[in-house]
Amino acid sequence: MMRHSRLDHRFVEHLPDDLDPGVLYISVAFGTASHSCCCGCGEEVVTPITPTDWRLTYDGETISLNPSVGNWSLACRSHYVIKAGRVIEAGPWSDEQIARERSRDQAAKARHYGNAVTKDHTAVALPPAPSPSVPSNNGLFDRIRDWFSVFGKERKP
């Protein structure tokens, strides 16, 4: 059973050194969220918000993180989903499932960042992809950062 069944969220510029239990800290500027493990072990859990790691959804009141948080490198090996501020315990994974997910994750990063992964998991640089002819819109975090940045600036008439 998870010790924390809910997480409050706090948008911060920098992640604090000491994490309050039951709080998900989000640094838009650094594309990172962090919290104390929801099982109660006290370990810091860092979730990078990137196209190949976690996606953060803020609905104006609550935060969701996708995919699930699997703390496979921690002694607790806890596994949970954060959905609309609720912590939903997920089932444990076998070492084989963890290895497959790590391999899939490495391949996704290689595709996204322009590397190929060989069978021995060595990254090989690929030629750069052609630039799109139409610039894409800013991502969610760029828009949130820009929105928050207006509060730190003096408005001019």
Foldseek 3Di string as FASTA:
>chain_A
DFQAFFADEDEDCDDDPQADARYWYHRLNQQKIWHQDRNPPRDIDIWHRDPLTWPWDDPPGFIWIPDWDQPCVDPVRWIWTQDRRGTGGDDHDDPVVVVVVVLVSLCVCCVVVAWHQDPVRDTHHHPDDDDDPDDDDDDPSVVVVVVVVVVVDDDDD
